[in-house]
Amino acid sequence: GATVLPPKGAGGAGIQRGALCRPGLLVALLSLLLFGLSNGIWARPDGTEWWEDPFSYFALSNVLLGLPILLRRALTGLLQRRISMFATMAIACVGALVLLDLWEASAVVFFY
């Protein structure tokens, strides 16, 4: 990445840019890809079980990718005695998984 820093002792804000491929960016792009692929759930015929639909596995993969991050943020807020939006979204995601609404759980993880 490019670095523009003032000489030592000089004033200024100093602009510094890091590497393009950061772990957070890669997780976000992979989540976008999995969420986009999971939209095929809407084409599933009625009466088809979730395990018979290949698009359900994209949604489940997205949840498995993002839920640990969401839970960590939720627990951080709870340890500070605050119920943050991450805690409510973690509850929503777990509820969607219990109801087997995999697309909804994937959407919660993707957007939060």
PDB file of N, CA and C in Angstrom:
ATOM      1  N   GLY A   1       0.806  -1.178   0.000  1.00  0.00           N
ATOM      2  CA  GLY A   1       0.000   0.000   0.000  1.00  0.00           C
ATOM      3  C   GLY A   1       0.857   1.252   0.000  1.00  0.00           C
ATOM      4  N   ALA A   2       0.269   2.351  -0.313  1.00  0.00           N
ATOM      5  CA  ALA A   2       0.971   3.629  -0.370  1.00  0.00           C
ATOM      6  C   ALA A   2       0.986   4.270   0.999  1.00  0.00           C
ATOM      7  N   THR A   3       2.052   4.994   1.277  1.00  0.00           N
ATOM      8  CA  THR A   3       2.185   5.696   2.536  1.00  0.00           C
ATOM      9  C   THR A   3       2.653   7.107   2.274  1.00  0.00           C
ATOM     10  N   VAL A   4       1.946   8.061   2.830  1.00  0.00           N
ATOM     11  CA  VAL A   4       2.362   9.455   2.744  1.00  0.00           C
ATOM     12  C   VAL A   4       2.421   9.965   4.179  1.00  0.00           C
ATOM     13  N   LEU A   5       3.611  10.099   4.696  1.00  0.00           N
ATOM     14  CA  LEU A   5       3.791  10.558   6.062  1.00  0.00           C
ATOM     15  C   LEU A   5       4.703  11.771   6.069  1.00  0.00           C
ATOM     16  N   PRO A   6       4.421  12.730   6.924  1.00  0.00           N
ATOM     17  CA  PRO A   6       5.318  13.882   7.015  1.00  0.00           C
ATOM     18  C   PRO A   6       6.619  13.462   7.694  1.00  0.00           C
ATOM     19  N   PRO A   7       7.688  14.210   7.465  1.00  0.00           N
ATOM     20  CA  PRO A   7       8.935  13.892   8.144  1.00  0.00           C
ATOM     21  C   PRO A   7       8.755  13.969   9.655  1.00  0.00           C
ATOM     22  N   LYS A   8       9.614  13.269  10.385  1.00  0.00           N
ATOM     23  CA  LYS A   8       9.508  13.269  11.844  1.00  0.00           C
ATOM     24  C   LYS A   8       9.631  14.679  12.381  1.00  0.00           C
ATOM     25  N   GLY A   9       8.770  15.001  13.305  1.00  0.00           N
ATOM     26  CA  GLY A   9       8.785  16.323  13.912  1.00  0.00           C
ATOM     27  C   GLY A   9       7.933  17.339  13.177  1.00  0.00           C
ATOM     28  N   ALA A  10       7.543  17.023  11.956  1.00  0.00           N
ATOM     29  CA  ALA A  10       6.714  17.961  11.187  1.00  0.00           C
ATOM     30  C   ALA A  10       5.248  17.739  11.546  1.00  0.00           C
ATOM     31  N   GLY A  11       4.462  18.771  11.454  1.00  0.00           N
ATOM     32  CA  GLY A  11       3.031  18.669  11.729  1.00  0.00           C
ATOM     33  C   GLY A  11       2.304  18.059  10.552  1.00  0.00           C
ATOM     34  N   GLY A  12       1.030  17.845  10.708  1.00  0.00           N
ATOM     35  CA  GLY A  12       0.221  17.305   9.617  1.00  0.00           C
ATOM     36  C   GLY A  12      -0.504  16.057  10.051  1.00  0.00           C
ATOM     37  N   ALA A  13      -1.515  15.725   9.295  1.00  0.00           N
ATOM     38  CA  ALA A  13      -2.345  14.587   9.655  1.00  0.00           C
ATOM     39  C   ALA A  13      -1.652  13.274   9.318  1.00  0.00           C
ATOM     40  N   GLY A  14      -0.966  13.206   8.206  1.00  0.00           N
ATOM     41  CA  GLY A  14      -0.321  11.959   7.798  1.00  0.00           C
ATOM     42  C   GLY A  14      -1.349  10.953   7.306  1.00  0.00           C
ATOM     43  N   ILE A  15      -1.325  10.684   6.053  1.00  0.00           N
ATOM     44  CA  ILE A  15      -2.275   9.749   5.455  1.00  0.00           C
ATOM     45  C   ILE A  15      -1.545   8.437   5.249  1.00  0.00           C
ATOM     46  N   GLN A  16      -2.134   7.376   5.754  1.00  0.00           N
ATOM     47  CA  GLN A  16      -1.510   6.068   5.617  1.00  0.00           C
ATOM     48  C   GLN A  16      -2.569   5.074   5.182  1.00  0.00           C
ATOM     49  N   ARG A  17      -2.265   4.354   4.151  1.00  0.00           N
ATOM     50  CA  ARG A  17      -3.183   3.359   3.623  1.00  0.00           C
ATOM     51  C   ARG A  17      -2.523   2.000   3.743  1.00  0.00           C
ATOM     52  N   GLY A  18      -3.265   1.021   4.194  1.00  0.00           N
ATOM     53  CA  GLY A  18      -2.719  -0.312   4.381  1.00  0.00           C
ATOM     54  C   GLY A  18      -2.949  -1.186   3.166  1.00  0.00           C
ATOM     55  N   ALA A  19      -2.824  -2.468   3.382  1.00  0.00           N
ATOM     56  CA  ALA A  19      -2.991  -3.456   2.316  1.00  0.00           C
ATOM     57  C   ALA A  19      -4.450  -3.500   1.860  1.00  0.00           C
ATOM     58  N   LEU A  20      -4.643  -3.833   0.606  1.00  0.00           N
ATOM     59  CA  LEU A  20      -5.985  -3.889   0.043  1.00  0.00           C
ATOM     60  C   LEU A  20      -6.767  -5.083   0.596  1.00  0.00           C
ATOM     61  N   CYS A  21      -6.102  -6.195   0.794  1.00  0.00           N
ATOM     62  CA  CYS A  21      -6.781  -7.421   1.224  1.00  0.00           C
ATOM     63  C   CYS A  21      -6.669  -7.595   2.733  1.00  0.00           C
ATOM     64  N   ARG A  22      -7.490  -6.923   3.465  1.00  0.00           N
ATOM     65  CA  ARG A  22      -7.538  -7.074   4.914  1.00  0.00           C
ATOM     66  C   ARG A  22      -8.512  -8.194   5.248  1.00  0.00           C
ATOM     67  N   PRO A  23      -8.332  -8.846   6.398  1.00  0.00           N
ATOM     68  CA  PRO A  23      -9.244  -9.952   6.745  1.00  0.00           C
ATOM     69  C   PRO A  23     -10.711  -9.527   6.810  1.00  0.00           C
ATOM     70  N   GLY A  24     -10.991  -8.346   7.364  1.00  0.00           N
ATOM     71  CA  GLY A  24     -12.377  -7.892   7.454  1.00  0.00           C
ATOM     72  C   GLY A  24     -13.008  -7.685   6.088  1.00  0.00           C
ATOM     73  N   LEU A  25     -12.225  -7.165   5.156  1.00  0.00           N
ATOM     74  CA  LEU A  25     -12.721  -6.961   3.800  1.00  0.00           C
ATOM     75  C   LEU A  25     -12.992  -8.288   3.114  1.00  0.00           C
ATOM     76  N   LEU A  26     -12.112  -9.253   3.318  1.00  0.00           N
ATOM     77  CA  LEU A  26     -12.312 -10.565   2.701  1.00  0.00           C
ATOM     78  C   LEU A  26     -13.549 -11.262   3.267  1.00  0.00           C
ATOM     79  N   VAL A  27     -13.769 -11.136   4.567  1.00  0.00           N
ATOM     80  CA  VAL A  27     -14.966 -11.732   5.181  1.00  0.00           C
ATOM     81  C   VAL A  27     -16.223 -11.059   4.632  1.00  0.00           C
ATOM     82  N   ALA A  28     -16.181  -9.733   4.486  1.00  0.00           N
ATOM     83  CA  ALA A  28     -17.335  -9.008   3.963  1.00  0.00           C
ATOM     84  C   ALA A  28     -17.635  -9.402   2.521  1.00  0.00           C
ATOM     85  N   LEU A  29     -16.607  -9.542   1.702  1.00  0.00           N
ATOM     86  CA  LEU A  29     -16.828  -9.930   0.304  1.00  0.00           C
ATOM     87  C   LEU A  29     -17.333 -11.363   0.193  1.00  0.00           C
ATOM     88  N   LEU A  30     -16.789 -12.259   1.014  1.00  0.00           N
ATOM     89  CA  LEU A  30     -17.262 -13.645   0.998  1.00  0.00           C
ATOM     90  C   LEU A  30     -18.707 -13.728   1.490  1.00  0.00           C
ATOM     91  N   SER A  31     -19.043 -12.927   2.487  1.00  0.00           N
ATOM     92  CA  SER A  31     -20.419 -12.892   2.982  1.00  0.00           C
ATOM     93  C   SER A  31     -21.367 -12.360   1.913  1.00  0.00           C
ATOM     94  N   LEU A  32     -20.933 -11.338   1.183  1.00  0.00           N
ATOM     95  CA  LEU A  32     -21.747 -10.812   0.081  1.00  0.00           C
ATOM     96  C   LEU A  32     -21.986 -11.889  -0.971  1.00  0.00           C
ATOM     97  N   LEU A  33     -20.954 -12.628  -1.321  1.00  0.00           N
ATOM     98  CA  LEU A  33     -21.084 -13.688  -2.315  1.00  0.00           C
ATOM     99  C   LEU A  33     -22.038 -14.783  -1.832  1.00  0.00           C
ATOM    100  N   LEU A  34     -21.857 -15.233  -0.590  1.00  0.00           N
ATOM    101  CA  LEU A  34     -22.716 -16.300  -0.068  1.00  0.00           C
ATOM    102  C   LEU A  34     -24.156 -15.834   0.082  1.00  0.00           C
ATOM    103  N   PHE A  35     -24.347 -14.588   0.524  1.00  0.00           N
ATOM    104  CA  PHE A  35     -25.709 -14.070   0.655  1.00  0.00           C
ATOM    105  C   PHE A  35     -26.374 -13.963  -0.715  1.00  0.00           C
ATOM    106  N   GLY A  36     -25.633 -13.511  -1.704  1.00  0.00           N
ATOM    107  CA  GLY A  36     -26.187 -13.417  -3.053  1.00  0.00           C
ATOM    108  C   GLY A  36     -26.585 -14.780  -3.597  1.00  0.00           C
ATOM    109  N   LEU A  37     -25.752 -15.783  -3.359  1.00  0.00           N
ATOM    110  CA  LEU A  37     -26.070 -17.128  -3.830  1.00  0.00           C
ATOM    111  C   LEU A  37     -27.237 -17.743  -3.061  1.00  0.00           C
ATOM    112  N   SER A  38     -27.391 -17.347  -1.806  1.00  0.00           N
ATOM    113  CA  SER A  38     -28.482 -17.923  -1.011  1.00  0.00           C
ATOM    114  C   SER A  38     -29.851 -17.396  -1.438  1.00  0.00           C
ATOM    115  N   ASN A  39     -29.898 -16.372  -2.262  1.00  0.00           N
ATOM    116  CA  ASN A  39     -31.187 -15.850  -2.724  1.00  0.00           C
ATOM    117  C   ASN A  39     -31.934 -16.837  -3.607  1.00  0.00           C
ATOM    118  N   GLY A  40     -31.259 -17.881  -4.050  1.00  0.00           N
ATOM    119  CA  GLY A  40     -31.930 -18.925  -4.817  1.00  0.00           C
ATOM    120  C   GLY A  40     -32.937 -19.715  -4.000  1.00  0.00           C
ATOM    121  N   ILE A  41     -32.918 -19.527  -2.671  1.00  0.00           N
ATOM    122  CA  ILE A  41     -33.898 -20.203  -1.810  1.00  0.00           C
ATOM    123  C   ILE A  41     -35.317 -19.836  -2.230  1.00  0.00           C
ATOM    124  N   TRP A  42     -35.494 -18.624  -2.713  1.00  0.00           N
ATOM    125  CA  TRP A  42     -36.841 -18.165  -3.071  1.00  0.00           C
ATOM    126  C   TRP A  42     -37.423 -18.949  -4.243  1.00  0.00           C
ATOM    127  N   ALA A  43     -36.587 -19.634  -5.010  1.00  0.00           N
ATOM    128  CA  ALA A  43     -37.082 -20.428  -6.141  1.00  0.00           C
ATOM    129  C   ALA A  43     -37.417 -21.863  -5.738  1.00  0.00           C
ATOM    130  N   ARG A  44     -37.241 -22.183  -4.465  1.00  0.00           N
ATOM    131  CA  ARG A  44     -37.496 -23.545  -3.994  1.00  0.00           C
ATOM    132  C   ARG A  44     -38.986 -23.847  -4.064  1.00  0.00           C
ATOM    133  N   PRO A  45     -39.353 -24.970  -4.683  1.00  0.00           N
ATOM    134  CA  PRO A  45     -40.777 -25.340  -4.743  1.00  0.00           C
ATOM    135  C   PRO A  45     -41.330 -25.636  -3.349  1.00  0.00           C
ATOM    136  N   ASP A  46     -42.608 -25.411  -3.178  1.00  0.00           N
ATOM    137  CA  ASP A  46     -43.251 -25.709  -1.893  1.00  0.00           C
ATOM    138  C   ASP A  46     -43.153 -27.200  -1.604  1.00  0.00           C
ATOM    139  N   GLY A  47     -42.955 -27.513  -0.343  1.00  0.00           N
ATOM    140  CA  GLY A  47     -42.872 -28.912   0.066  1.00  0.00           C
ATOM    141  C   GLY A  47     -41.469 -29.483   0.006  1.00  0.00           C
ATOM    142  N   THR A  48     -40.511 -28.717  -0.486  1.00  0.00           N
ATOM    143  CA  THR A  48     -39.126 -29.182  -0.542  1.00  0.00           C
ATOM    144  C   THR A  48     -38.467 -28.913   0.799  1.00  0.00           C
ATOM    145  N   GLU A  49     -37.840 -29.918   1.350  1.00  0.00           N
ATOM    146  CA  GLU A  49     -37.150 -29.760   2.633  1.00  0.00           C
ATOM    147  C   GLU A  49     -35.883 -28.930   2.435  1.00  0.00           C
ATOM    148  N   TRP A  50     -35.433 -28.285   3.504  1.00  0.00           N
ATOM    149  CA  TRP A  50     -34.293 -27.374   3.385  1.00  0.00           C
ATOM    150  C   TRP A  50     -33.020 -28.111   2.981  1.00  0.00           C
ATOM    151  N   TRP A  51     -32.838 -29.337   3.410  1.00  0.00           N
ATOM    152  CA  TRP A  51     -31.610 -30.054   3.091  1.00  0.00           C
ATOM    153  C   TRP A  51     -31.572 -30.534   1.647  1.00  0.00           C
ATOM    154  N   GLU A  52     -32.711 -30.506   0.963  1.00  0.00           N
ATOM    155  CA  GLU A  52     -32.760 -30.901  -0.446  1.00  0.00           C
ATOM    156  C   GLU A  52     -32.458 -29.727  -1.377  1.00  0.00           C
ATOM    157  N   ASP A  53     -32.425 -28.531  -0.831  1.00  0.00           N
ATOM    158  CA  ASP A  53     -32.194 -27.331  -1.634  1.00  0.00           C
ATOM    159  C   ASP A  53     -30.732 -26.913  -1.515  1.00  0.00           C
ATOM    160  N   PRO A  54     -29.976 -26.890  -2.622  1.00  0.00           N
ATOM    161  CA  PRO A  54     -28.558 -26.528  -2.526  1.00  0.00           C
ATOM    162  C   PRO A  54     -28.325 -25.079  -2.096  1.00  0.00           C
ATOM    163  N   PHE A  55     -29.285 -24.198  -2.332  1.00  0.00           N
ATOM    164  CA  PHE A  55     -29.110 -22.800  -1.948  1.00  0.00           C
ATOM    165  C   PHE A  55     -29.152 -22.609  -0.429  1.00  0.00           C
ATOM    166  N   SER A  56     -29.785 -23.550   0.261  1.00  0.00           N
ATOM    167  CA  SER A  56     -29.819 -23.478   1.723  1.00  0.00           C
ATOM    168  C   SER A  56     -28.414 -23.590   2.310  1.00  0.00           C
ATOM    169  N   TYR A  57     -27.561 -24.323   1.649  1.00  0.00           N
ATOM    170  CA  TYR A  57     -26.200 -24.504   2.160  1.00  0.00           C
ATOM    171  C   TYR A  57     -25.376 -23.229   2.006  1.00  0.00           C
ATOM    172  N   PHE A  58     -25.669 -22.425   0.993  1.00  0.00           N
ATOM    173  CA  PHE A  58     -25.004 -21.120   0.889  1.00  0.00           C
ATOM    174  C   PHE A  58     -25.417 -20.212   2.046  1.00  0.00           C
ATOM    175  N   ALA A  59     -26.708 -20.232   2.370  1.00  0.00           N
ATOM    176  CA  ALA A  59     -27.196 -19.425   3.487  1.00  0.00           C
ATOM    177  C   ALA A  59     -26.592 -19.906   4.799  1.00  0.00           C
ATOM    178  N   LEU A  60     -26.537 -21.199   4.995  1.00  0.00           N
ATOM    179  CA  LEU A  60     -25.969 -21.756   6.218  1.00  0.00           C
ATOM    180  C   LEU A  60     -24.471 -21.449   6.316  1.00  0.00           C
ATOM    181  N   SER A  61     -23.773 -21.477   5.191  1.00  0.00           N
ATOM    182  CA  SER A  61     -22.346 -21.126   5.187  1.00  0.00           C
ATOM    183  C   SER A  61     -22.142 -19.665   5.572  1.00  0.00           C
ATOM    184  N   ASN A  62     -23.017 -18.800   5.099  1.00  0.00           N
ATOM    185  CA  ASN A  62     -22.922 -17.388   5.447  1.00  0.00           C
ATOM    186  C   ASN A  62     -23.158 -17.186   6.949  1.00  0.00           C
ATOM    187  N   VAL A  63     -24.103 -17.909   7.499  1.00  0.00           N
ATOM    188  CA  VAL A  63     -24.369 -17.811   8.938  1.00  0.00           C
ATOM    189  C   VAL A  63     -23.168 -18.315   9.728  1.00  0.00           C
ATOM    190  N   LEU A  64     -22.597 -19.430   9.312  1.00  0.00           N
ATOM    191  CA  LEU A  64     -21.435 -19.972  10.017  1.00  0.00           C
ATOM    192  C   LEU A  64     -20.219 -19.060   9.902  1.00  0.00           C
ATOM    193  N   LEU A  65     -20.145 -18.287   8.833  1.00  0.00           N
ATOM    194  CA  LEU A  65     -19.045 -17.337   8.662  1.00  0.00           C
ATOM    195  C   LEU A  65     -19.218 -16.121   9.563  1.00  0.00           C
ATOM    196  N   GLY A  66     -20.423 -15.579   9.641  1.00  0.00           N
ATOM    197  CA  GLY A  66     -20.616 -14.308  10.324  1.00  0.00           C
ATOM    198  C   GLY A  66     -21.142 -14.368  11.746  1.00  0.00           C
ATOM    199  N   LEU A  67     -21.760 -15.474  12.129  1.00  0.00           N
ATOM    200  CA  LEU A  67     -22.347 -15.544  13.464  1.00  0.00           C
ATOM    201  C   LEU A  67     -21.316 -15.433  14.585  1.00  0.00           C
ATOM    202  N   PRO A  68     -20.142 -16.043  14.481  1.00  0.00           N
ATOM    203  CA  PRO A  68     -19.160 -15.851  15.560  1.00  0.00           C
ATOM    204  C   PRO A  68     -18.761 -14.390  15.761  1.00  0.00           C
ATOM    205  N   ILE A  69     -18.652 -13.642  14.687  1.00  0.00           N
ATOM    206  CA  ILE A  69     -18.317 -12.223  14.792  1.00  0.00           C
ATOM    207  C   ILE A  69     -19.457 -11.473  15.464  1.00  0.00           C
ATOM    208  N   LEU A  70     -20.679 -11.771  15.069  1.00  0.00           N
ATOM    209  CA  LEU A  70     -21.853 -11.129  15.654  1.00  0.00           C
ATOM    210  C   LEU A  70     -21.981 -11.468  17.141  1.00  0.00           C
ATOM    211  N   LEU A  71     -21.753 -12.728  17.500  1.00  0.00           N
ATOM    212  CA  LEU A  71     -21.838 -13.132  18.900  1.00  0.00           C
ATOM    213  C   LEU A  71     -20.750 -12.478  19.749  1.00  0.00           C
ATOM    214  N   ARG A  72     -19.553 -12.352  19.186  1.00  0.00           N
ATOM    215  CA  ARG A  72     -18.476 -11.693  19.932  1.00  0.00           C
ATOM    216  C   ARG A  72     -18.824 -10.235  20.216  1.00  0.00           C
ATOM    217  N   ARG A  73     -19.369  -9.542  19.234  1.00  0.00           N
ATOM    218  CA  ARG A  73     -19.770  -8.148  19.442  1.00  0.00           C
ATOM    219  C   ARG A  73     -20.917  -8.053  20.445  1.00  0.00           C
ATOM    220  N   ALA A  74     -21.836  -9.012  20.386  1.00  0.00           N
ATOM    221  CA  ALA A  74     -22.958  -9.005  21.325  1.00  0.00           C
ATOM    222  C   ALA A  74     -22.467  -9.248  22.751  1.00  0.00           C
ATOM    223  N   LEU A  75     -21.567 -10.207  22.917  1.00  0.00           N
ATOM    224  CA  LEU A  75     -21.040 -10.495  24.254  1.00  0.00           C
ATOM    225  C   LEU A  75     -20.222  -9.339  24.806  1.00  0.00           C
ATOM    226  N   THR A  76     -19.514  -8.627  23.938  1.00  0.00           N
ATOM    227  CA  THR A  76     -18.763  -7.453  24.382  1.00  0.00           C
ATOM    228  C   THR A  76     -19.710  -6.418  24.970  1.00  0.00           C
ATOM    229  N   GLY A  77     -20.818  -6.190  24.319  1.00  0.00           N
ATOM    230  CA  GLY A  77     -21.798  -5.241  24.840  1.00  0.00           C
ATOM    231  C   GLY A  77     -22.437  -5.722  26.126  1.00  0.00           C
ATOM    232  N   LEU A  78     -22.734  -7.036  26.197  1.00  0.00           N
ATOM    233  CA  LEU A  78     -23.364  -7.568  27.402  1.00  0.00           C
ATOM    234  C   LEU A  78     -22.409  -7.526  28.596  1.00  0.00           C
ATOM    235  N   LEU A  79     -21.127  -7.723  28.355  1.00  0.00           N
ATOM    236  CA  LEU A  79     -20.153  -7.632  29.448  1.00  0.00           C
ATOM    237  C   LEU A  79     -20.031  -6.208  29.978  1.00  0.00           C
ATOM    238  N   GLN A  80     -20.391  -5.244  29.158  1.00  0.00           N
ATOM    239  CA  GLN A  80     -20.401  -3.843  29.591  1.00  0.00           C
ATOM    240  C   GLN A  80     -21.784  -3.450  30.124  1.00  0.00           C
ATOM    241  N   ARG A  81     -22.634  -4.455  30.330  1.00  0.00           N
ATOM    242  CA  ARG A  81     -23.998  -4.261  30.832  1.00  0.00           C
ATOM    243  C   ARG A  81     -24.853  -3.393  29.922  1.00  0.00           C
ATOM    244  N   ARG A  82     -24.688  -3.613  28.615  1.00  0.00           N
ATOM    245  CA  ARG A  82     -25.494  -2.913  27.613  1.00  0.00           C
ATOM    246  C   ARG A  82     -26.067  -3.942  26.650  1.00  0.00           C
ATOM    247  N   ILE A  83     -27.316  -3.762  26.311  1.00  0.00           N
ATOM    248  CA  ILE A  83     -27.904  -4.598  25.258  1.00  0.00           C
ATOM    249  C   ILE A  83     -27.784  -3.795  23.976  1.00  0.00           C
ATOM    250  N   SER A  84     -26.837  -4.179  23.165  1.00  0.00           N
ATOM    251  CA  SER A  84     -26.571  -3.446  21.933  1.00  0.00           C
ATOM    252  C   SER A  84     -27.416  -4.020  20.794  1.00  0.00           C
ATOM    253  N   MET A  85     -27.331  -3.367  19.655  1.00  0.00           N
ATOM    254  CA  MET A  85     -28.061  -3.876  18.495  1.00  0.00           C
ATOM    255  C   MET A  85     -27.479  -5.209  18.045  1.00  0.00           C
ATOM    256  N   PHE A  86     -26.193  -5.444  18.359  1.00  0.00           N
ATOM    257  CA  PHE A  86     -25.593  -6.731  18.001  1.00  0.00           C
ATOM    258  C   PHE A  86     -26.217  -7.858  18.812  1.00  0.00           C
ATOM    259  N   ALA A  87     -26.557  -7.582  20.076  1.00  0.00           N
ATOM    260  CA  ALA A  87     -27.217  -8.601  20.904  1.00  0.00           C
ATOM    261  C   ALA A  87     -28.600  -8.922  20.356  1.00  0.00           C
ATOM    262  N   THR A  88     -29.354  -7.914  19.979  1.00  0.00           N
ATOM    263  CA  THR A  88     -30.689  -8.169  19.439  1.00  0.00           C
ATOM    264  C   THR A  88     -30.618  -8.879  18.085  1.00  0.00           C
ATOM    265  N   MET A  89     -29.616  -8.560  17.278  1.00  0.00           N
ATOM    266  CA  MET A  89     -29.477  -9.233  15.990  1.00  0.00           C
ATOM    267  C   MET A  89     -28.993 -10.670  16.160  1.00  0.00           C
ATOM    268  N   ALA A  90     -28.180 -10.926  17.179  1.00  0.00           N
ATOM    269  CA  ALA A  90     -27.768 -12.301  17.467  1.00  0.00           C
ATOM    270  C   ALA A  90     -28.978 -13.127  17.891  1.00  0.00           C
ATOM    271  N   ILE A  91     -29.850 -12.545  18.713  1.00  0.00           N
ATOM    272  CA  ILE A  91     -31.085 -13.233  19.113  1.00  0.00           C
ATOM    273  C   ILE A  91     -31.964 -13.490  17.893  1.00  0.00           C
ATOM    274  N   ALA A  92     -32.055 -12.505  16.997  1.00  0.00           N
ATOM    275  CA  ALA A  92     -32.857 -12.677  15.773  1.00  0.00           C
ATOM    276  C   ALA A  92     -32.282 -13.781  14.889  1.00  0.00           C
ATOM    277  N   CYS A  93     -30.964 -13.841  14.799  1.00  0.00           N
ATOM    278  CA  CYS A  93     -30.325 -14.858  13.961  1.00  0.00           C
ATOM    279  C   CYS A  93     -30.544 -16.257  14.535  1.00  0.00           C
ATOM    280  N   VAL A  94     -30.378 -16.410  15.828  1.00  0.00           N
ATOM    281  CA  VAL A  94     -30.614 -17.709  16.466  1.00  0.00           C
ATOM    282  C   VAL A  94     -32.082 -18.098  16.331  1.00  0.00           C
ATOM    283  N   GLY A  95     -32.985 -17.146  16.483  1.00  0.00           N
ATOM    284  CA  GLY A  95     -34.414 -17.429  16.306  1.00  0.00           C
ATOM    285  C   GLY A  95     -34.743 -17.873  14.898  1.00  0.00           C
ATOM    286  N   ALA A  96     -34.134 -17.236  13.912  1.00  0.00           N
ATOM    287  CA  ALA A  96     -34.369 -17.634  12.519  1.00  0.00           C
ATOM    288  C   ALA A  96     -33.826 -19.039  12.256  1.00  0.00           C
ATOM    289  N   LEU A  97     -32.697 -19.373  12.880  1.00  0.00           N
ATOM    290  CA  LEU A  97     -32.160 -20.727  12.718  1.00  0.00           C
ATOM    291  C   LEU A  97     -33.073 -21.763  13.364  1.00  0.00           C
ATOM    292  N   VAL A  98     -33.625 -21.445  14.531  1.00  0.00           N
ATOM    293  CA  VAL A  98     -34.544 -22.366  15.201  1.00  0.00           C
ATOM    294  C   VAL A  98     -35.779 -22.603  14.336  1.00  0.00           C
ATOM    295  N   LEU A  99     -36.252 -21.546  13.675  1.00  0.00           N
ATOM    296  CA  LEU A  99     -37.422 -21.671  12.800  1.00  0.00           C
ATOM    297  C   LEU A  99     -37.073 -22.215  11.414  1.00  0.00           C
ATOM    298  N   LEU A 100     -35.800 -22.518  11.191  1.00  0.00           N
ATOM    299  CA  LEU A 100     -35.278 -23.017   9.912  1.00  0.00           C
ATOM    300  C   LEU A 100     -35.500 -22.037   8.770  1.00  0.00           C
ATOM    301  N   ASP A 101     -35.510 -20.771   9.071  1.00  0.00           N
ATOM    302  CA  ASP A 101     -35.574 -19.729   8.050  1.00  0.00           C
ATOM    303  C   ASP A 101     -34.130 -19.304   7.763  1.00  0.00           C
ATOM    304  N   LEU A 102     -33.463 -20.107   6.952  1.00  0.00           N
ATOM    305  CA  LEU A 102     -32.031 -19.920   6.730  1.00  0.00           C
ATOM    306  C   LEU A 102     -31.724 -18.631   5.980  1.00  0.00           C
ATOM    307  N   TRP A 103     -32.607 -18.242   5.067  1.00  0.00           N
ATOM    308  CA  TRP A 103     -32.346 -17.006   4.338  1.00  0.00           C
ATOM    309  C   TRP A 103     -32.409 -15.812   5.279  1.00  0.00           C
ATOM    310  N   GLU A 104     -33.354 -15.803   6.195  1.00  0.00           N
ATOM    311  CA  GLU A 104     -33.473 -14.706   7.158  1.00  0.00           C
ATOM    312  C   GLU A 104     -32.249 -14.637   8.059  1.00  0.00           C
ATOM    313  N   ALA A 105     -31.765 -15.773   8.526  1.00  0.00           N
ATOM    314  CA  ALA A 105     -30.567 -15.807   9.354  1.00  0.00           C
ATOM    315  C   ALA A 105     -29.364 -15.295   8.559  1.00  0.00           C
ATOM    316  N   SER A 106     -29.290 -15.669   7.295  1.00  0.00           N
ATOM    317  CA  SER A 106     -28.199 -15.201   6.435  1.00  0.00           C
ATOM    318  C   SER A 106     -28.280 -13.700   6.216  1.00  0.00           C
ATOM    319  N   ALA A 107     -29.487 -13.183   6.058  1.00  0.00           N
ATOM    320  CA  ALA A 107     -29.663 -11.742   5.857  1.00  0.00           C
ATOM    321  C   ALA A 107     -29.254 -10.967   7.112  1.00  0.00           C
ATOM    322  N   VAL A 108     -29.608 -11.463   8.285  1.00  0.00           N
ATOM    323  CA  VAL A 108     -29.233 -10.794   9.533  1.00  0.00           C
ATOM    324  C   VAL A 108     -27.718 -10.754   9.668  1.00  0.00           C
ATOM    325  N   VAL A 109     -27.067 -11.863   9.390  1.00  0.00           N
ATOM    326  CA  VAL A 109     -25.607 -11.905   9.494  1.00  0.00           C
ATOM    327  C   VAL A 109     -24.963 -10.986   8.464  1.00  0.00           C
ATOM    328  N   PHE A 110     -25.499 -10.985   7.264  1.00  0.00           N
ATOM    329  CA  PHE A 110     -24.890 -10.146   6.215  1.00  0.00           C
ATOM    330  C   PHE A 110     -25.021  -8.666   6.525  1.00  0.00           C
ATOM    331  N   PHE A 111     -26.174  -8.237   6.982  1.00  0.00           N
ATOM    332  CA  PHE A 111     -26.391  -6.814   7.195  1.00  0.00           C
ATOM    333  C   PHE A 111     -25.827  -6.306   8.516  1.00  0.00           C
ATOM    334  N   TYR A 112     -25.486  -7.213   9.452  1.00  0.00           N
ATOM    335  CA  TYR A 112     -24.907  -6.773  10.712  1.00  0.00           C
ATOM    336  C   TYR A 112     -23.569  -7.411  10.940  1.00  0.00           C
TER     337      TYR A 112
END
